[in-house]
Amino acid sequence: MDIEQHAVEVGGQAEESLKSLKVALDKFRSTLANDLTSLKAAGSRVQSEALQIKQAYQAAQVMLTTVEFERAVANAERMALALKTISDLSETKVNFSVFSGGQ
């Protein structure tokens, strides 16, 4: 009778341990599923942002290689040279006289 009672107790403890293990395993699976979902969402966001960066880079590249942009740069360079030349001028005095209408 002792052996039978002991076997029943051990069987009960084993069942409780299995239930506890199942609860822990279910919790782990749930956590893992949530983590995988979060990783997929983060990956999608990174991929979307990388695509946006690529598109912005391509748009900037197109804009910076147009004839109009080259012309604007050339005009800016000429203006900078003109402003530098003006700033390098020394003082100049201008005298003028007014004569009456006589010969």
Protein backbone atom coordinates (compact mmCIF):
# COMPACT_ATOMS: atom_id res chain seq x y z
CA MET A 1 0.00 0.00 0.00
CA ASP A 2 2.87 2.37 0.74
CA ILE A 3 4.32 1.97 -2.74
CA GLU A 4 0.95 2.52 -4.38
CA GLN A 5 0.27 5.64 -2.33
CA HIS A 6 3.76 6.95 -3.06
CA ALA A 7 3.25 6.31 -6.80
CA VAL A 8 -0.03 8.24 -6.73
CA GLU A 9 1.63 11.17 -4.93
CA VAL A 10 4.54 11.20 -7.37
CA GLY A 11 2.11 10.99 -10.30
CA GLY A 12 0.18 13.95 -8.92
CA GLN A 13 3.35 15.95 -8.46
CA ALA A 14 4.40 15.07 -12.01
CA GLU A 15 1.04 16.27 -13.35
CA GLU A 16 1.36 19.53 -11.40
CA SER A 17 4.90 19.95 -12.71
CA LEU A 18 3.68 19.36 -16.27
CA LYS A 19 0.90 21.93 -15.80
CA SER A 20 3.41 24.43 -14.43
CA LEU A 21 5.76 23.68 -17.32
CA LYS A 22 2.91 24.17 -19.82
CA VAL A 23 2.03 27.56 -18.26
CA ALA A 24 5.68 28.65 -18.42
CA LEU A 25 6.00 27.37 -21.99
CA ASP A 26 2.82 29.15 -23.09
CA LYS A 27 4.06 32.37 -21.49
CA PHE A 28 7.42 31.98 -23.25
CA ARG A 29 5.73 31.35 -26.61
CA SER A 30 3.54 34.41 -26.13
CA THR A 31 6.55 36.58 -25.25
CA LEU A 32 8.49 35.17 -28.20
CA ALA A 33 5.57 35.83 -30.57
CA ASN A 34 5.30 39.42 -29.31
CA ASP A 35 9.04 39.91 -29.72
CA LEU A 36 8.96 38.53 -33.27
CA THR A 37 6.04 40.81 -34.14
CA SER A 38 7.94 43.80 -32.74
CA LEU A 39 11.06 42.83 -34.70
CA LYS A 40 9.08 42.50 -37.93
CA ALA A 41 7.45 45.89 -37.37
CA ALA A 42 10.81 47.52 -36.64
CA GLY A 43 12.31 45.88 -39.73
CA SER A 44 9.46 47.18 -41.86
CA ARG A 45 9.94 50.71 -40.49
CA VAL A 46 13.67 50.59 -41.16
CA GLN A 47 13.09 49.31 -44.68
CA SER A 48 10.49 52.03 -45.34
CA GLU A 49 12.78 54.77 -44.02
CA ALA A 50 15.70 53.45 -46.07
CA LEU A 51 13.50 53.58 -49.18
CA GLN A 52 12.49 57.17 -48.36
CA ILE A 53 16.16 58.14 -47.91
CA LYS A 54 17.03 56.52 -51.23
CA GLN A 55 14.22 58.39 -53.01
CA ALA A 56 15.24 61.70 -51.43
CA TYR A 57 18.87 61.10 -52.43
CA GLN A 58 17.86 60.34 -56.01
CA ALA A 59 15.66 63.46 -56.15
CA ALA A 60 18.53 65.60 -54.83
CA GLN A 61 20.91 64.04 -57.33
CA VAL A 62 18.54 64.82 -60.20
CA MET A 63 18.09 68.41 -59.00
CA LEU A 64 21.83 69.00 -58.51
CA THR A 65 22.71 67.80 -62.02
CA THR A 66 20.26 69.93 -64.02
CA VAL A 67 21.34 72.66 -66.42
CA GLU A 68 19.41 75.22 -64.35
CA PHE A 69 21.39 74.32 -61.22
CA GLU A 70 24.70 74.55 -63.10
CA ARG A 71 23.65 77.98 -64.38
CA ALA A 72 22.68 79.08 -60.86
CA VAL A 73 26.08 77.98 -59.52
CA ALA A 74 27.87 79.85 -62.29
CA ASN A 75 25.82 82.99 -61.55
CA ALA A 76 26.58 82.68 -57.83
CA GLU A 77 30.29 82.32 -58.57
CA ARG A 78 30.24 85.45 -60.78
CA MET A 79 28.35 87.38 -58.11
CA ALA A 80 30.84 86.28 -55.42
CA LEU A 81 33.73 87.41 -57.63
CA ALA A 82 32.03 90.77 -58.28
CA LEU A 83 31.38 91.30 -54.56
CA LYS A 84 34.98 90.43 -53.72
CA THR A 85 36.23 92.85 -56.38
CA ILE A 86 33.97 95.60 -55.01
CA SER A 87 35.16 94.98 -51.46
CA ASP A 88 38.80 95.11 -52.59
CA LEU A 89 38.40 98.57 -54.14
CA SER A 90 40.24 101.35 -52.35
CA GLU A 91 38.62 104.66 -51.57
CA THR A 92 38.18 106.91 -54.53
CA LYS A 93 37.49 110.62 -54.42
CA VAL A 94 35.36 112.18 -57.10
CA ASN A 95 35.43 115.95 -57.62
CA PHE A 96 33.03 117.83 -59.78
CA SER A 97 32.43 121.45 -60.54
CA VAL A 98 29.41 123.37 -61.66
CA PHE A 99 29.92 126.16 -64.17
CA SER A 100 27.49 128.84 -64.89
CA GLY A 101 26.04 128.83 -68.36
CA GLY A 102 28.59 131.31 -69.73
CA GLN A 103 31.14 130.61 -72.40
